[in-house]
Amino acid sequence: MPVIRADEAQVHQMHNARFISYVRPGTGSTDICQWRVEIDAESVGQQHRLLREEVFVSLTGTAVLTIDGESTALAPGDAALAPAGATIRLDNPGRERAELLVTVPVGFGAELVDGTRISPPWVR
């Protein structure tokens, strides 16, 4: 049974967030990737366009997810789906770190505002 222990998860830092990667092709998955993202308090995220859909489940704190210009606060227990092709940004206006569980399909990627395409290491 493939189990990824918390102390075995890979950790990556990018922009205003820390990504703790659990499930991905590098850990044996063929279809999905899943990680926890910890967003710094009082920070604004990096806007980007999704090449595949992305699911967010809020765990702690209050993050603000903007999808195609429409913003909504996510409280613990809330979930959101950002469709492929959407432009998104994830902010944390609160005074405490916000944490979310994120799930995407294998092959996930995004495009930054300047047109740079990225395939983050936590999905490989």
PDB file of N, CA and C in Angstrom:
ATOM      1  N   MET A   1       0.851  -1.171   0.000  1.00  0.00           N
ATOM      2  CA  MET A   1       0.000   0.000   0.000  1.00  0.00           C
ATOM      3  C   MET A   1       0.902   1.241   0.000  1.00  0.00           C
ATOM      4  N   PRO A   2       0.771   2.097  -1.033  1.00  0.00           N
ATOM      5  CA  PRO A   2       1.575   3.321  -1.062  1.00  0.00           C
ATOM      6  C   PRO A   2       1.081   4.328  -0.016  1.00  0.00           C
ATOM      7  N   VAL A   3       1.946   4.645   0.918  1.00  0.00           N
ATOM      8  CA  VAL A   3       1.647   5.634   1.943  1.00  0.00           C
ATOM      9  C   VAL A   3       2.774   6.653   1.930  1.00  0.00           C
ATOM     10  N   ILE A   4       2.427   7.923   1.875  1.00  0.00           N
ATOM     11  CA  ILE A   4       3.412   8.995   1.934  1.00  0.00           C
ATOM     12  C   ILE A   4       3.309   9.600   3.328  1.00  0.00           C
ATOM     13  N   ARG A   5       4.291   9.358   4.140  1.00  0.00           N
ATOM     14  CA  ARG A   5       4.306   9.867   5.508  1.00  0.00           C
ATOM     15  C   ARG A   5       4.592  11.365   5.497  1.00  0.00           C
ATOM     16  N   ALA A   6       4.074  12.070   6.482  1.00  0.00           N
ATOM     17  CA  ALA A   6       4.244  13.519   6.555  1.00  0.00           C
ATOM     18  C   ALA A   6       5.706  13.922   6.476  1.00  0.00           C
ATOM     19  N   ASP A   7       6.581  13.169   7.145  1.00  0.00           N
ATOM     20  CA  ASP A   7       7.997  13.530   7.145  1.00  0.00           C
ATOM     21  C   ASP A   7       8.706  13.161   5.840  1.00  0.00           C
ATOM     22  N   GLU A   8       8.001  12.477   4.932  1.00  0.00           N
ATOM     23  CA  GLU A   8       8.567  12.116   3.630  1.00  0.00           C
ATOM     24  C   GLU A   8       8.094  13.042   2.509  1.00  0.00           C
ATOM     25  N   ALA A   9       7.119  13.870   2.791  1.00  0.00           N
ATOM     26  CA  ALA A   9       6.583  14.772   1.768  1.00  0.00           C
ATOM     27  C   ALA A   9       7.643  15.782   1.356  1.00  0.00           C
ATOM     28  N   GLN A  10       7.678  16.085   0.058  1.00  0.00           N
ATOM     29  CA  GLN A  10       8.604  17.106  -0.430  1.00  0.00           C
ATOM     30  C   GLN A  10       8.013  18.482  -0.184  1.00  0.00           C
ATOM     31  N   VAL A  11       8.866  19.419   0.206  1.00  0.00           N
ATOM     32  CA  VAL A  11       8.432  20.782   0.495  1.00  0.00           C
ATOM     33  C   VAL A  11       9.085  21.731  -0.499  1.00  0.00           C
ATOM     34  N   HIS A  12       8.278  22.619  -1.072  1.00  0.00           N
ATOM     35  CA  HIS A  12       8.749  23.603  -2.049  1.00  0.00           C
ATOM     36  C   HIS A  12       8.226  24.977  -1.642  1.00  0.00           C
ATOM     37  N   GLN A  13       9.008  25.997  -1.893  1.00  0.00           N
ATOM     38  CA  GLN A  13       8.604  27.383  -1.610  1.00  0.00           C
ATOM     39  C   GLN A  13       8.471  28.110  -2.940  1.00  0.00           C
ATOM     40  N   MET A  14       7.381  28.836  -3.137  1.00  0.00           N
ATOM     41  CA  MET A  14       7.204  29.638  -4.340  1.00  0.00           C
ATOM     42  C   MET A  14       6.288  30.804  -4.003  1.00  0.00           C
ATOM     43  N   HIS A  15       6.700  31.995  -4.407  1.00  0.00           N
ATOM     44  CA  HIS A  15       5.936  33.215  -4.179  1.00  0.00           C
ATOM     45  C   HIS A  15       5.611  33.359  -2.693  1.00  0.00           C
ATOM     46  N   ASN A  16       4.341  33.429  -2.353  1.00  0.00           N
ATOM     47  CA  ASN A  16       3.926  33.661  -0.963  1.00  0.00           C
ATOM     48  C   ASN A  16       3.534  32.379  -0.234  1.00  0.00           C
ATOM     49  N   ALA A  17       3.968  31.232  -0.754  1.00  0.00           N
ATOM     50  CA  ALA A  17       3.436  29.978  -0.227  1.00  0.00           C
ATOM     51  C   ALA A  17       4.478  28.870  -0.141  1.00  0.00           C
ATOM     52  N   ARG A  18       4.130  27.901   0.695  1.00  0.00           N
ATOM     53  CA  ARG A  18       4.923  26.686   0.851  1.00  0.00           C
ATOM     54  C   ARG A  18       4.038  25.526   0.400  1.00  0.00           C
ATOM     55  N   PHE A  19       4.568  24.644  -0.438  1.00  0.00           N
ATOM     56  CA  PHE A  19       3.826  23.532  -1.009  1.00  0.00           C
ATOM     57  C   PHE A  19       4.392  22.231  -0.448  1.00  0.00           C
ATOM     58  N   ILE A  20       3.538  21.434   0.182  1.00  0.00           N
ATOM     59  CA  ILE A  20       3.939  20.160   0.755  1.00  0.00           C
ATOM     60  C   ILE A  20       3.312  19.080  -0.118  1.00  0.00           C
ATOM     61  N   SER A  21       4.150  18.443  -0.933  1.00  0.00           N
ATOM     62  CA  SER A  21       3.698  17.516  -1.967  1.00  0.00           C
ATOM     63  C   SER A  21       3.600  16.096  -1.430  1.00  0.00           C
ATOM     64  N   TYR A  22       2.420  15.501  -1.597  1.00  0.00           N
ATOM     65  CA  TYR A  22       2.181  14.138  -1.143  1.00  0.00           C
ATOM     66  C   TYR A  22       2.018  13.164  -2.305  1.00  0.00           C
ATOM     67  N   VAL A  23       0.966  13.342  -3.090  1.00  0.00           N
ATOM     68  CA  VAL A  23       0.628  12.400  -4.159  1.00  0.00           C
ATOM     69  C   VAL A  23       0.966  13.034  -5.502  1.00  0.00           C
ATOM     70  N   ARG A  24       1.735  12.308  -6.312  1.00  0.00           N
ATOM     71  CA  ARG A  24       2.183  12.778  -7.625  1.00  0.00           C
ATOM     72  C   ARG A  24       2.823  11.594  -8.332  1.00  0.00           C
ATOM     73  N   PRO A  25       3.144  11.714  -9.613  1.00  0.00           N
ATOM     74  CA  PRO A  25       3.794  10.598 -10.296  1.00  0.00           C
ATOM     75  C   PRO A  25       5.062  10.102  -9.587  1.00  0.00           C
ATOM     76  N   GLY A  26       5.827  11.013  -9.004  1.00  0.00           N
ATOM     77  CA  GLY A  26       7.040  10.624  -8.301  1.00  0.00           C
ATOM     78  C   GLY A  26       6.811   9.764  -7.070  1.00  0.00           C
ATOM     79  N   THR A  27       5.566   9.744  -6.570  1.00  0.00           N
ATOM     80  CA  THR A  27       5.234   8.889  -5.422  1.00  0.00           C
ATOM     81  C   THR A  27       4.306   7.745  -5.834  1.00  0.00           C
ATOM     82  N   GLY A  28       4.131   7.566  -7.159  1.00  0.00           N
ATOM     83  CA  GLY A  28       3.383   6.415  -7.650  1.00  0.00           C
ATOM     84  C   GLY A  28       2.028   6.686  -8.264  1.00  0.00           C
ATOM     85  N   SER A  29       1.553   7.915  -8.269  1.00  0.00           N
ATOM     86  CA  SER A  29       0.228   8.203  -8.827  1.00  0.00           C
ATOM     87  C   SER A  29       0.285   8.286 -10.354  1.00  0.00           C
ATOM     88  N   THR A  30      -0.754   7.786 -10.993  1.00  0.00           N
ATOM     89  CA  THR A  30      -0.850   7.893 -12.453  1.00  0.00           C
ATOM     90  C   THR A  30      -1.916   8.887 -12.889  1.00  0.00           C
ATOM     91  N   ASP A  31      -2.831   9.275 -11.989  1.00  0.00           N
ATOM     92  CA  ASP A  31      -3.951  10.122 -12.379  1.00  0.00           C
ATOM     93  C   ASP A  31      -4.080  11.436 -11.623  1.00  0.00           C
ATOM     94  N   ILE A  32      -3.702  11.457 -10.342  1.00  0.00           N
ATOM     95  CA  ILE A  32      -3.931  12.669  -9.560  1.00  0.00           C
ATOM     96  C   ILE A  32      -2.675  13.108  -8.798  1.00  0.00           C
ATOM     97  N   CYS A  33      -2.681  14.395  -8.469  1.00  0.00           N
ATOM     98  CA  CYS A  33      -1.655  14.986  -7.611  1.00  0.00           C
ATOM     99  C   CYS A  33      -2.384  15.673  -6.464  1.00  0.00           C
ATOM    100  N   GLN A  34      -1.782  15.613  -5.287  1.00  0.00           N
ATOM    101  CA  GLN A  34      -2.389  16.291  -4.143  1.00  0.00           C
ATOM    102  C   GLN A  34      -1.291  16.834  -3.243  1.00  0.00           C
ATOM    103  N   TRP A  35      -1.509  18.065  -2.793  1.00  0.00           N
ATOM    104  CA  TRP A  35      -0.562  18.702  -1.893  1.00  0.00           C
ATOM    105  C   TRP A  35      -1.300  19.617  -0.938  1.00  0.00           C
ATOM    106  N   ARG A  36      -0.592  20.032   0.111  1.00  0.00           N
ATOM    107  CA  ARG A  36      -1.102  21.037   1.030  1.00  0.00           C
ATOM    108  C   ARG A  36      -0.326  22.312   0.747  1.00  0.00           C
ATOM    109  N   VAL A  37      -1.040  23.419   0.660  1.00  0.00           N
ATOM    110  CA  VAL A  37      -0.380  24.704   0.472  1.00  0.00           C
ATOM    111  C   VAL A  37      -0.608  25.540   1.725  1.00  0.00           C
ATOM    112  N   GLU A  38       0.480  26.140   2.199  1.00  0.00           N
ATOM    113  CA  GLU A  38       0.439  27.029   3.354  1.00  0.00           C
ATOM    114  C   GLU A  38       0.746  28.430   2.836  1.00  0.00           C
ATOM    115  N   ILE A  39      -0.215  29.337   2.977  1.00  0.00           N
ATOM    116  CA  ILE A  39      -0.084  30.688   2.425  1.00  0.00           C
ATOM    117  C   ILE A  39       0.249  31.659   3.546  1.00  0.00           C
ATOM    118  N   ASP A  40       1.322  32.397   3.347  1.00  0.00           N
ATOM    119  CA  ASP A  40       1.756  33.368   4.346  1.00  0.00           C
ATOM    120  C   ASP A  40       0.648  34.361   4.677  1.00  0.00           C
ATOM    121  N   ALA A  41       0.615  34.794   5.932  1.00  0.00           N
ATOM    122  CA  ALA A  41      -0.350  35.800   6.377  1.00  0.00           C
ATOM    123  C   ALA A  41      -0.121  37.110   5.641  1.00  0.00           C
ATOM    124  N   GLU A  42      -1.209  37.820   5.426  1.00  0.00           N
ATOM    125  CA  GLU A  42      -1.182  39.158   4.824  1.00  0.00           C
ATOM    126  C   GLU A  42      -0.364  39.186   3.536  1.00  0.00           C
ATOM    127  N   SER A  43      -0.694  38.262   2.618  1.00  0.00           N
ATOM    128  CA  SER A  43       0.058  38.191   1.363  1.00  0.00           C
ATOM    129  C   SER A  43      -0.870  38.081   0.159  1.00  0.00           C
ATOM    130  N   VAL A  44      -0.343  38.518  -0.960  1.00  0.00           N
ATOM    131  CA  VAL A  44      -1.054  38.465  -2.242  1.00  0.00           C
ATOM    132  C   VAL A  44      -0.359  37.429  -3.113  1.00  0.00           C
ATOM    133  N   GLY A  45      -1.136  36.545  -3.707  1.00  0.00           N
ATOM    134  CA  GLY A  45      -0.589  35.483  -4.539  1.00  0.00           C
ATOM    135  C   GLY A  45      -0.226  35.951  -5.937  1.00  0.00           C
ATOM    136  N   GLN A  46       0.314  35.018  -6.706  1.00  0.00           N
ATOM    137  CA  GLN A  46       0.732  35.256  -8.089  1.00  0.00           C
ATOM    138  C   GLN A  46      -0.412  34.851  -9.025  1.00  0.00           C
ATOM    139  N   GLN A  47      -0.895  35.779  -9.815  1.00  0.00           N
ATOM    140  CA  GLN A  47      -1.958  35.458 -10.772  1.00  0.00           C
ATOM    141  C   GLN A  47      -1.395  34.539 -11.855  1.00  0.00           C
ATOM    142  N   HIS A  48      -2.188  33.540 -12.246  1.00  0.00           N
ATOM    143  CA  HIS A  48      -1.785  32.618 -13.308  1.00  0.00           C
ATOM    144  C   HIS A  48      -3.014  31.965 -13.932  1.00  0.00           C
ATOM    145  N   ARG A  49      -2.818  31.463 -15.152  1.00  0.00           N
ATOM    146  CA  ARG A  49      -3.896  30.788 -15.880  1.00  0.00           C
ATOM    147  C   ARG A  49      -3.669  29.292 -15.790  1.00  0.00           C
ATOM    148  N   LEU A  50      -4.732  28.568 -15.438  1.00  0.00           N
ATOM    149  CA  LEU A  50      -4.643  27.117 -15.289  1.00  0.00           C
ATOM    150  C   LEU A  50      -4.733  26.415 -16.635  1.00  0.00           C
ATOM    151  N   LEU A  51      -3.912  25.406 -16.825  1.00  0.00           N
ATOM    152  CA  LEU A  51      -3.987  24.588 -18.034  1.00  0.00           C
ATOM    153  C   LEU A  51      -4.842  23.346 -17.796  1.00  0.00           C
ATOM    154  N   ARG A  52      -5.062  22.989 -16.534  1.00  0.00           N
ATOM    155  CA  ARG A  52      -5.937  21.890 -16.137  1.00  0.00           C
ATOM    156  C   ARG A  52      -6.753  22.374 -14.937  1.00  0.00           C
ATOM    157  N   GLU A  53      -7.847  21.702 -14.602  1.00  0.00           N
ATOM    158  CA  GLU A  53      -8.652  22.145 -13.464  1.00  0.00           C
ATOM    159  C   GLU A  53      -7.930  21.882 -12.148  1.00  0.00           C
ATOM    160  N   GLU A  54      -8.362  22.620 -11.104  1.00  0.00           N
ATOM    161  CA  GLU A  54      -7.723  22.554  -9.796  1.00  0.00           C
ATOM    162  C   GLU A  54      -8.809  22.650  -8.718  1.00  0.00           C
ATOM    163  N   VAL A  55      -8.720  21.797  -7.703  1.00  0.00           N
ATOM    164  CA  VAL A  55      -9.686  21.767  -6.607  1.00  0.00           C
ATOM    165  C   VAL A  55      -8.982  22.210  -5.324  1.00  0.00           C
ATOM    166  N   PHE A  56      -9.647  23.084  -4.568  1.00  0.00           N
ATOM    167  CA  PHE A  56      -9.126  23.605  -3.308  1.00  0.00           C
ATOM    168  C   PHE A  56     -10.088  23.237  -2.182  1.00  0.00           C
ATOM    169  N   VAL A  57      -9.557  22.765  -1.058  1.00  0.00           N
ATOM    170  CA  VAL A  57     -10.340  22.561   0.155  1.00  0.00           C
ATOM    171  C   VAL A  57      -9.623  23.318   1.268  1.00  0.00           C
ATOM    172  N   SER A  58     -10.312  24.267   1.870  1.00  0.00           N
ATOM    173  CA  SER A  58      -9.722  25.073   2.931  1.00  0.00           C
ATOM    174  C   SER A  58      -9.629  24.261   4.226  1.00  0.00           C
ATOM    175  N   LEU A  59      -8.449  24.299   4.842  1.00  0.00           N
ATOM    176  CA  LEU A  59      -8.219  23.568   6.094  1.00  0.00           C
ATOM    177  C   LEU A  59      -8.170  24.500   7.297  1.00  0.00           C
ATOM    178  N   THR A  60      -7.384  25.580   7.206  1.00  0.00           N
ATOM    179  CA  THR A  60      -7.262  26.540   8.305  1.00  0.00           C
ATOM    180  C   THR A  60      -7.137  27.944   7.737  1.00  0.00           C
ATOM    181  N   GLY A  61      -7.462  28.929   8.547  1.00  0.00           N
ATOM    182  CA  GLY A  61      -7.352  30.320   8.113  1.00  0.00           C
ATOM    183  C   GLY A  61      -8.425  30.672   7.101  1.00  0.00           C
ATOM    184  N   THR A  62      -8.255  31.821   6.491  1.00  0.00           N
ATOM    185  CA  THR A  62      -9.195  32.267   5.464  1.00  0.00           C
ATOM    186  C   THR A  62      -8.413  32.747   4.259  1.00  0.00           C
ATOM    187  N   ALA A  63      -8.499  31.995   3.178  1.00  0.00           N
ATOM    188  CA  ALA A  63      -7.861  32.379   1.924  1.00  0.00           C
ATOM    189  C   ALA A  63      -8.922  33.004   1.021  1.00  0.00           C
ATOM    190  N   VAL A  64      -8.477  33.903   0.144  1.00  0.00           N
ATOM    191  CA  VAL A  64      -9.370  34.493  -0.846  1.00  0.00           C
ATOM    192  C   VAL A  64      -8.940  33.980  -2.209  1.00  0.00           C
ATOM    193  N   LEU A  65      -9.839  33.267  -2.865  1.00  0.00           N
ATOM    194  CA  LEU A  65      -9.588  32.719  -4.187  1.00  0.00           C
ATOM    195  C   LEU A  65     -10.280  33.600  -5.215  1.00  0.00           C
ATOM    196  N   THR A  66      -9.521  34.062  -6.198  1.00  0.00           N
ATOM    197  CA  THR A  66     -10.081  34.842  -7.294  1.00  0.00           C
ATOM    198  C   THR A  66     -10.003  33.996  -8.555  1.00  0.00           C
ATOM    199  N   ILE A  67     -11.156  33.769  -9.173  1.00  0.00           N
ATOM    200  CA  ILE A  67     -11.244  33.013 -10.429  1.00  0.00           C
ATOM    201  C   ILE A  67     -11.861  33.925 -11.468  1.00  0.00           C
ATOM    202  N   ASP A  68     -11.094  34.210 -12.519  1.00  0.00           N
ATOM    203  CA  ASP A  68     -11.559  35.084 -13.604  1.00  0.00           C
ATOM    204  C   ASP A  68     -12.167  36.380 -13.079  1.00  0.00           C
ATOM    205  N   GLY A  69     -11.499  36.992 -12.109  1.00  0.00           N
ATOM    206  CA  GLY A  69     -11.905  38.289 -11.591  1.00  0.00           C
ATOM    207  C   GLY A  69     -12.944  38.269 -10.492  1.00  0.00           C
ATOM    208  N   GLU A  70     -13.499  37.107 -10.176  1.00  0.00           N
ATOM    209  CA  GLU A  70     -14.502  36.999  -9.106  1.00  0.00           C
ATOM    210  C   GLU A  70     -13.848  36.412  -7.859  1.00  0.00           C
ATOM    211  N   SER A  71     -13.853  37.160  -6.766  1.00  0.00           N
ATOM    212  CA  SER A  71     -13.186  36.738  -5.526  1.00  0.00           C
ATOM    213  C   SER A  71     -14.175  36.209  -4.508  1.00  0.00           C
ATOM    214  N   THR A  72     -13.747  35.197  -3.765  1.00  0.00           N
ATOM    215  CA  THR A  72     -14.551  34.661  -2.669  1.00  0.00           C
ATOM    216  C   THR A  72     -13.633  34.165  -1.566  1.00  0.00           C
ATOM    217  N   ALA A  73     -14.033  34.394  -0.324  1.00  0.00           N
ATOM    218  CA  ALA A  73     -13.279  33.910   0.827  1.00  0.00           C
ATOM    219  C   ALA A  73     -13.627  32.446   1.065  1.00  0.00           C
ATOM    220  N   LEU A  74     -12.607  31.660   1.350  1.00  0.00           N
ATOM    221  CA  LEU A  74     -12.797  30.248   1.673  1.00  0.00           C
ATOM    222  C   LEU A  74     -12.477  30.050   3.153  1.00  0.00           C
ATOM    223  N   ALA A  75     -13.462  29.613   3.911  1.00  0.00           N
ATOM    224  CA  ALA A  75     -13.288  29.314   5.329  1.00  0.00           C
ATOM    225  C   ALA A  75     -13.006  27.815   5.473  1.00  0.00           C
ATOM    226  N   PRO A  76     -12.472  27.372   6.601  1.00  0.00           N
ATOM    227  CA  PRO A  76     -12.217  25.950   6.786  1.00  0.00           C
ATOM    228  C   PRO A  76     -13.441  25.097   6.473  1.00  0.00           C
ATOM    229  N   GLY A  77     -13.206  24.063   5.664  1.00  0.00           N
ATOM    230  CA  GLY A  77     -14.279  23.171   5.231  1.00  0.00           C
ATOM    231  C   GLY A  77     -14.860  23.522   3.881  1.00  0.00           C
ATOM    232  N   ASP A  78     -14.645  24.755   3.404  1.00  0.00           N
ATOM    233  CA  ASP A  78     -15.140  25.155   2.085  1.00  0.00           C
ATOM    234  C   ASP A  78     -14.275  24.530   0.986  1.00  0.00           C
ATOM    235  N   ALA A  79     -14.889  24.275  -0.170  1.00  0.00           N
ATOM    236  CA  ALA A  79     -14.178  23.743  -1.332  1.00  0.00           C
ATOM    237  C   ALA A  79     -14.507  24.588  -2.546  1.00  0.00           C
ATOM    238  N   ALA A  80     -13.573  24.640  -3.495  1.00  0.00           N
ATOM    239  CA  ALA A  80     -13.791  25.393  -4.730  1.00  0.00           C
ATOM    240  C   ALA A  80     -13.130  24.657  -5.887  1.00  0.00           C
ATOM    241  N   LEU A  81     -13.741  24.781  -7.059  1.00  0.00           N
ATOM    242  CA  LEU A  81     -13.205  24.200  -8.283  1.00  0.00           C
ATOM    243  C   LEU A  81     -12.862  25.333  -9.239  1.00  0.00           C
ATOM    244  N   ALA A  82     -11.616  25.375  -9.665  1.00  0.00           N
ATOM    245  CA  ALA A  82     -11.192  26.338 -10.678  1.00  0.00           C
ATOM    246  C   ALA A  82     -11.048  25.573 -11.986  1.00  0.00           C
ATOM    247  N   PRO A  83     -11.814  25.942 -13.026  1.00  0.00           N
ATOM    248  CA  PRO A  83     -11.787  25.187 -14.275  1.00  0.00           C
ATOM    249  C   PRO A  83     -10.527  25.453 -15.097  1.00  0.00           C
ATOM    250  N   ALA A  84     -10.195  24.508 -15.952  1.00  0.00           N
ATOM    251  CA  ALA A  84      -9.084  24.685 -16.880  1.00  0.00           C
ATOM    252  C   ALA A  84      -9.324  25.936 -17.710  1.00  0.00           C
ATOM    253  N   GLY A  85      -8.271  26.709 -17.929  1.00  0.00           N
ATOM    254  CA  GLY A  85      -8.372  27.936 -18.704  1.00  0.00           C
ATOM    255  C   GLY A  85      -8.663  29.168 -17.880  1.00  0.00           C
ATOM    256  N   ALA A  86      -9.052  28.974 -16.608  1.00  0.00           N
ATOM    257  CA  ALA A  86      -9.374  30.111 -15.735  1.00  0.00           C
ATOM    258  C   ALA A  86      -8.091  30.799 -15.275  1.00  0.00           C
ATOM    259  N   THR A  87      -8.208  32.092 -15.037  1.00  0.00           N
ATOM    260  CA  THR A  87      -7.126  32.852 -14.427  1.00  0.00           C
ATOM    261  C   THR A  87      -7.437  32.952 -12.943  1.00  0.00           C
ATOM    262  N   ILE A  88      -6.481  32.539 -12.107  1.00  0.00           N
ATOM    263  CA  ILE A  88      -6.734  32.509 -10.667  1.00  0.00           C
ATOM    264  C   ILE A  88      -5.620  33.217  -9.895  1.00  0.00           C
ATOM    265  N   ARG A  89      -5.952  33.536  -8.650  1.00  0.00           N
ATOM    266  CA  ARG A  89      -4.981  34.048  -7.674  1.00  0.00           C
ATOM    267  C   ARG A  89      -5.481  33.635  -6.302  1.00  0.00           C
ATOM    268  N   LEU A  90      -4.559  33.260  -5.428  1.00  0.00           N
ATOM    269  CA  LEU A  90      -4.906  32.845  -4.078  1.00  0.00           C
ATOM    270  C   LEU A  90      -4.184  33.751  -3.096  1.00  0.00           C
ATOM    271  N   ASP A  91      -4.961  34.526  -2.328  1.00  0.00           N
ATOM    272  CA  ASP A  91      -4.419  35.498  -1.381  1.00  0.00           C
ATOM    273  C   ASP A  91      -4.768  35.081   0.046  1.00  0.00           C
ATOM    274  N   ASN A  92      -4.013  35.650   0.978  1.00  0.00           N
ATOM    275  CA  ASN A  92      -4.340  35.473   2.393  1.00  0.00           C
ATOM    276  C   ASN A  92      -4.298  36.841   3.061  1.00  0.00           C
ATOM    277  N   PRO A  93      -5.445  37.511   3.179  1.00  0.00           N
ATOM    278  CA  PRO A  93      -5.471  38.823   3.815  1.00  0.00           C
ATOM    279  C   PRO A  93      -5.442  38.744   5.346  1.00  0.00           C
ATOM    280  N   GLY A  94      -5.570  37.544   5.902  1.00  0.00           N
ATOM    281  CA  GLY A  94      -5.641  37.376   7.347  1.00  0.00           C
ATOM    282  C   GLY A  94      -4.291  37.516   8.038  1.00  0.00           C
ATOM    283  N   ARG A  95      -4.350  37.500   9.360  1.00  0.00           N
ATOM    284  CA  ARG A  95      -3.134  37.648  10.176  1.00  0.00           C
ATOM    285  C   ARG A  95      -2.502  36.313  10.546  1.00  0.00           C
ATOM    286  N   GLU A  96      -3.140  35.221  10.129  1.00  0.00           N
ATOM    287  CA  GLU A  96      -2.608  33.882  10.376  1.00  0.00           C
ATOM    288  C   GLU A  96      -2.420  33.164   9.044  1.00  0.00           C
ATOM    289  N   ARG A  97      -1.526  32.189   9.052  1.00  0.00           N
ATOM    290  CA  ARG A  97      -1.303  31.387   7.849  1.00  0.00           C
ATOM    291  C   ARG A  97      -2.600  30.674   7.462  1.00  0.00           C
ATOM    292  N   ALA A  98      -2.849  30.558   6.177  1.00  0.00           N
ATOM    293  CA  ALA A  98      -3.985  29.786   5.660  1.00  0.00           C
ATOM    294  C   ALA A  98      -3.439  28.507   5.038  1.00  0.00           C
ATOM    295  N   GLU A  99      -4.175  27.407   5.217  1.00  0.00           N
ATOM    296  CA  GLU A  99      -3.755  26.130   4.651  1.00  0.00           C
ATOM    297  C   GLU A  99      -4.907  25.544   3.850  1.00  0.00           C
ATOM    298  N   LEU A 100      -4.555  25.006   2.679  1.00  0.00           N
ATOM    299  CA  LEU A 100      -5.543  24.371   1.816  1.00  0.00           C
ATOM    300  C   LEU A 100      -4.990  23.061   1.289  1.00  0.00           C
ATOM    301  N   LEU A 101      -5.876  22.117   1.031  1.00  0.00           N
ATOM    302  CA  LEU A 101      -5.537  20.879   0.357  1.00  0.00           C
ATOM    303  C   LEU A 101      -5.900  21.081  -1.109  1.00  0.00           C
ATOM    304  N   VAL A 102      -4.980  20.751  -2.003  1.00  0.00           N
ATOM    305  CA  VAL A 102      -5.185  21.002  -3.427  1.00  0.00           C
ATOM    306  C   VAL A 102      -5.052  19.689  -4.195  1.00  0.00           C
ATOM    307  N   THR A 103      -5.959  19.476  -5.143  1.00  0.00           N
ATOM    308  CA  THR A 103      -5.940  18.277  -5.980  1.00  0.00           C
ATOM    309  C   THR A 103      -6.035  18.703  -7.443  1.00  0.00           C
ATOM    310  N   VAL A 104      -5.183  18.083  -8.271  1.00  0.00           N
ATOM    311  CA  VAL A 104      -5.165  18.357  -9.710  1.00  0.00           C
ATOM    312  C   VAL A 104      -4.909  17.045 -10.446  1.00  0.00           C
ATOM    313  N   PRO A 105      -5.207  17.004 -11.756  1.00  0.00           N
ATOM    314  CA  PRO A 105      -4.855  15.816 -12.526  1.00  0.00           C
ATOM    315  C   PRO A 105      -3.357  15.820 -12.851  1.00  0.00           C
ATOM    316  N   VAL A 106      -2.797  14.630 -13.031  1.00  0.00           N
ATOM    317  CA  VAL A 106      -1.423  14.521 -13.510  1.00  0.00           C
ATOM    318  C   VAL A 106      -1.333  15.263 -14.838  1.00  0.00           C
ATOM    319  N   GLY A 107      -0.237  15.958 -15.056  1.00  0.00           N
ATOM    320  CA  GLY A 107      -0.067  16.776 -16.252  1.00  0.00           C
ATOM    321  C   GLY A 107      -0.445  18.218 -16.020  1.00  0.00           C
ATOM    322  N   PHE A 108      -0.797  18.550 -14.779  1.00  0.00           N
ATOM    323  CA  PHE A 108      -1.183  19.908 -14.424  1.00  0.00           C
ATOM    324  C   PHE A 108      -0.063  20.890 -14.756  1.00  0.00           C
ATOM    325  N   GLY A 109      -0.477  22.064 -15.196  1.00  0.00           N
ATOM    326  CA  GLY A 109       0.462  23.146 -15.456  1.00  0.00           C
ATOM    327  C   GLY A 109      -0.275  24.465 -15.426  1.00  0.00           C
ATOM    328  N   ALA A 110       0.489  25.533 -15.476  1.00  0.00           N
ATOM    329  CA  ALA A 110      -0.092  26.871 -15.441  1.00  0.00           C
ATOM    330  C   ALA A 110       0.748  27.802 -16.294  1.00  0.00           C
ATOM    331  N   GLU A 111       0.170  28.963 -16.573  1.00  0.00           N
ATOM    332  CA  GLU A 111       0.855  29.987 -17.359  1.00  0.00           C
ATOM    333  C   GLU A 111       0.848  31.284 -16.575  1.00  0.00           C
ATOM    334  N   LEU A 112       2.027  31.842 -16.348  1.00  0.00           N
ATOM    335  CA  LEU A 112       2.145  33.105 -15.624  1.00  0.00           C
ATOM    336  C   LEU A 112       1.702  34.263 -16.511  1.00  0.00           C
ATOM    337  N   VAL A 113       1.526  35.424 -15.923  1.00  0.00           N
ATOM    338  CA  VAL A 113       1.051  36.601 -16.640  1.00  0.00           C
ATOM    339  C   VAL A 113       1.950  36.935 -17.835  1.00  0.00           C
ATOM    340  N   ASP A 114       3.261  36.698 -17.687  1.00  0.00           N
ATOM    341  CA  ASP A 114       4.199  37.016 -18.774  1.00  0.00           C
ATOM    342  C   ASP A 114       4.243  35.948 -19.869  1.00  0.00           C
ATOM    343  N   GLY A 115       3.388  34.895 -19.740  1.00  0.00           N
ATOM    344  CA  GLY A 115       3.325  33.842 -20.745  1.00  0.00           C
ATOM    345  C   GLY A 115       4.197  32.640 -20.439  1.00  0.00           C
ATOM    346  N   THR A 116       4.990  32.707 -19.402  1.00  0.00           N
ATOM    347  CA  THR A 116       5.841  31.580 -19.014  1.00  0.00           C
ATOM    348  C   THR A 116       4.979  30.425 -18.527  1.00  0.00           C
ATOM    349  N   ARG A 117       5.191  29.251 -19.098  1.00  0.00           N
ATOM    350  CA  ARG A 117       4.457  28.060 -18.654  1.00  0.00           C
ATOM    351  C   ARG A 117       5.261  27.362 -17.586  1.00  0.00           C
ATOM    352  N   ILE A 118       4.566  26.908 -16.545  1.00  0.00           N
ATOM    353  CA  ILE A 118       5.250  26.201 -15.474  1.00  0.00           C
ATOM    354  C   ILE A 118       4.590  24.856 -15.216  1.00  0.00           C
ATOM    355  N   SER A 119       5.422  23.898 -14.876  1.00  0.00           N
ATOM    356  CA  SER A 119       4.988  22.596 -14.383  1.00  0.00           C
ATOM    357  C   SER A 119       5.696  22.454 -13.044  1.00  0.00           C
ATOM    358  N   PRO A 120       5.025  22.841 -11.949  1.00  0.00           N
ATOM    359  CA  PRO A 120       5.707  22.904 -10.658  1.00  0.00           C
ATOM    360  C   PRO A 120       6.229  21.531 -10.228  1.00  0.00           C
ATOM    361  N   PRO A 121       7.335  21.519  -9.473  1.00  0.00           N
ATOM    362  CA  PRO A 121       7.924  20.249  -9.069  1.00  0.00           C
ATOM    363  C   PRO A 121       7.012  19.398  -8.179  1.00  0.00           C
ATOM    364  N   TRP A 122       6.052  20.032  -7.497  1.00  0.00           N
ATOM    365  CA  TRP A 122       5.184  19.246  -6.603  1.00  0.00           C
ATOM    366  C   TRP A 122       4.101  18.484  -7.360  1.00  0.00           C
ATOM    367  N   VAL A 123       4.102  18.541  -8.710  1.00  0.00           N
ATOM    368  CA  VAL A 123       3.158  17.732  -9.487  1.00  0.00           C
ATOM    369  C   VAL A 123       3.883  16.721 -10.383  1.00  0.00           C
ATOM    370  N   ARG A 124       5.174  16.585 -10.188  1.00  0.00           N
ATOM    371  CA  ARG A 124       5.938  15.640 -11.021  1.00  0.00           C
ATOM    372  C   ARG A 124       6.345  14.404 -10.243  1.00  0.00           C
TER     373      ARG A 124
END
